[in-house]
C-alpha atoms as a PDB file:
ATOM      1  CA  MET A   1      77.713  -8.816  13.017  1.00  0.00           C
ATOM      2  CA  LYS A   2      81.155  -9.532  14.418  1.00  0.00           C
ATOM      3  CA  PRO A   3      83.118  -6.596  15.875  1.00  0.00           C
ATOM      4  CA  SER A   4      86.295  -5.742  14.070  1.00  0.00           C
ATOM      5  CA  LEU A   5      89.683  -6.682  15.458  1.00  0.00           C
ATOM      6  CA  HIS A   6      90.320  -3.014  16.182  1.00  0.00           C
ATOM      7  CA  VAL A   7      87.140  -2.749  18.294  1.00  0.00           C
ATOM      8  CA  GLN A   8      88.014  -5.966  20.134  1.00  0.00           C
ATOM      9  CA  ALA A   9      91.504  -4.647  20.867  1.00  0.00           C
ATOM     10  CA  LEU A  10      90.025  -1.404  22.201  1.00  0.00           C
ATOM     11  CA  GLN A  11      87.610  -3.349  24.403  1.00  0.00           C
ATOM     12  CA  ARG A  12      90.478  -5.429  25.844  1.00  0.00           C
ATOM     13  CA  ARG A  13      92.470  -2.267  26.501  1.00  0.00           C
ATOM     14  CA  PHE A  14      89.522  -0.605  28.247  1.00  0.00           C
ATOM     15  CA  ASP A  15      88.969  -3.766  30.286  1.00  0.00           C
ATOM     16  CA  ARG A  16      92.618  -3.776  31.390  1.00  0.00           C
ATOM     17  CA  ASP A  17      92.412  -0.087  32.269  1.00  0.00           C
ATOM     18  CA  ALA A  18      89.192  -0.625  34.216  1.00  0.00           C
ATOM     19  CA  ILE A  19      90.685  -3.555  36.133  1.00  0.00           C
ATOM     20  CA  GLY A  20      93.740  -1.439  36.955  1.00  0.00           C
ATOM     21  CA  GLN A  21      91.525   1.365  38.231  1.00  0.00           C
ATOM     22  CA  LEU A  22      89.459  -1.068  40.282  1.00  0.00           C
ATOM     23  CA  ARG A  23      92.573  -2.577  41.839  1.00  0.00           C
ATOM     24  CA  ALA A  24      93.886   0.870  42.732  1.00  0.00           C
ATOM     25  CA  GLU A  25      90.551   1.826  44.312  1.00  0.00           C
ATOM     26  CA  VAL A  26      90.389  -1.430  46.274  1.00  0.00           C
ATOM     27  CA  ALA A  27      93.909  -0.818  47.588  1.00  0.00           C
ATOM     28  CA  ARG A  28      93.001   2.769  48.545  1.00  0.00           C
ATOM     29  CA  LEU A  29      89.850   1.636  50.324  1.00  0.00           C
ATOM     30  CA  ALA A  30      91.726  -1.097  52.177  1.00  0.00           C
ATOM     31  CA  ALA A  31      94.274   1.435  53.431  1.00  0.00           C
ATOM     32  CA  GLU A  32      91.501   3.833  54.457  1.00  0.00           C
ATOM     33  CA  ASN A  33      89.675   0.997  56.220  1.00  0.00           C
ATOM     34  CA  ASP A  34      92.824   0.081  58.162  1.00  0.00           C
ATOM     35  CA  GLU A  35      93.344   3.699  59.212  1.00  0.00           C
ATOM     36  CA  LEU A  36      89.717   4.078  60.299  1.00  0.00           C
ATOM     37  CA  ARG A  37      89.876   0.860  62.317  1.00  0.00           C
ATOM     38  CA  GLU A  38      92.980   2.153  64.106  1.00  0.00           C
ATOM     39  CA  ARG A  39      91.267   5.481  64.825  1.00  0.00           C
ATOM     40  CA  LEU A  40      88.178   3.672  66.095  1.00  0.00           C
ATOM     41  CA  ALA A  41      90.246   1.505  68.434  1.00  0.00           C
ATOM     42  CA  TYR A  42      91.982   4.634  69.762  1.00  0.00           C
ATOM     43  CA  ALA A  43      88.634   6.403  70.268  1.00  0.00           C
ATOM     44  CA  GLU A  44      87.188   3.383  72.058  1.00  0.00           C
ATOM     45  CA  ASP A  45      90.214   3.223  74.355  1.00  0.00           C
ATOM     46  CA  ALA A  46      89.922   6.940  75.089  1.00  0.00           C
ATOM     47  CA  ALA A  47      86.197   6.633  75.831  1.00  0.00           C
ATOM     48  CA  THR A  48      86.822   3.705  78.172  1.00  0.00           C
ATOM     49  CA  SER A  49      89.528   5.685  79.950  1.00  0.00           C
ATOM     50  CA  TRP A  50      87.245   8.731  80.376  1.00  0.00           C
ATOM     51  CA  ARG A  51      84.431   6.534  81.675  1.00  0.00           C
ATOM     52  CA  ASP A  52      86.728   4.797  84.154  1.00  0.00           C
ATOM     53  CA  ASP A  53      88.107   8.147  85.349  1.00  0.00           C
ATOM     54  CA  ALA A  54      84.588   9.534  85.824  1.00  0.00           C
ATOM     55  CA  LEU A  55      83.486   6.491  87.813  1.00  0.00           C
ATOM     56  CA  ASP A  56      86.641   6.612  89.943  1.00  0.00           C
ATOM     57  CA  LEU A  57      86.064  10.302  90.652  1.00  0.00           C
ATOM     58  CA  GLN A  58      82.466   9.595  91.611  1.00  0.00           C
ATOM     59  CA  LEU A  59      83.576   6.862  94.005  1.00  0.00           C
ATOM     60  CA  GLN A  60      86.196   9.138  95.567  1.00  0.00           C
ATOM     61  CA  LEU A  61      83.638  11.900  96.096  1.00  0.00           C
ATOM     62  CA  CYS A  62      81.197   9.425  97.629  1.00  0.00           C
ATOM     63  CA  GLU A  63      83.856   8.112 100.011  1.00  0.00           C
ATOM     64  CA  GLN A  64      84.755  11.649 101.088  1.00  0.00           C
ATOM     65  CA  HIS A  65      81.123  12.473 101.868  1.00  0.00           C
ATOM     66  CA  GLY A  66      80.018   9.071 103.127  1.00  0.00           C
ATOM     67  CA  ALA A  67      77.503   8.669 100.328  1.00  0.00           C
ATOM     68  CA  GLN A  68      76.643   6.032  97.737  1.00  0.00           C
ATOM     69  CA  PRO A  69      77.167   6.533  93.993  1.00  0.00           C
ATOM     70  CA  GLY A  70      74.086   6.694  91.810  1.00  0.00           C
ATOM     71  CA  ILE A  71      72.570   7.931  88.604  1.00  0.00           C
ATOM     72  CA  ALA A  72      69.749  10.476  88.535  1.00  0.00           C
ATOM     73  CA  ALA A  73      66.716  10.055  86.308  1.00  0.00           C
ATOM     74  CA  ASP A  74      68.216  12.548  83.870  1.00  0.00           C
ATOM     75  CA  GLY A  75      71.468  10.541  83.632  1.00  0.00           C
ATOM     76  CA  ARG A  76      73.635  12.646  85.947  1.00  0.00           C
ATOM     77  CA  LEU A  77      76.075  10.874  88.256  1.00  0.00           C
ATOM     78  CA  VAL A  78      75.168  11.703  91.848  1.00  0.00           C
ATOM     79  CA  ALA A  79      76.300  10.944  95.388  1.00  0.00           C
ATOM     80  CA  ALA A  80      73.238   9.998  97.433  1.00  0.00           C
END
């Protein structure tokens, strides 16, 4: 049985609406993805900066006390 012209027109309209909604969602997700990538890059830069500062501080403390930098078994930075 062939759908009526009215049903076919409704299906085309729903398809157009669905495609419009999909396009809007894709655009929203792309914008969110861009924002998250920027935030990730910022967080990575901040983490690298903190790590570098911690290592520099450890080296300075070691130089002041004539020790060598190291890492304890539990992960602490130490001057030995």
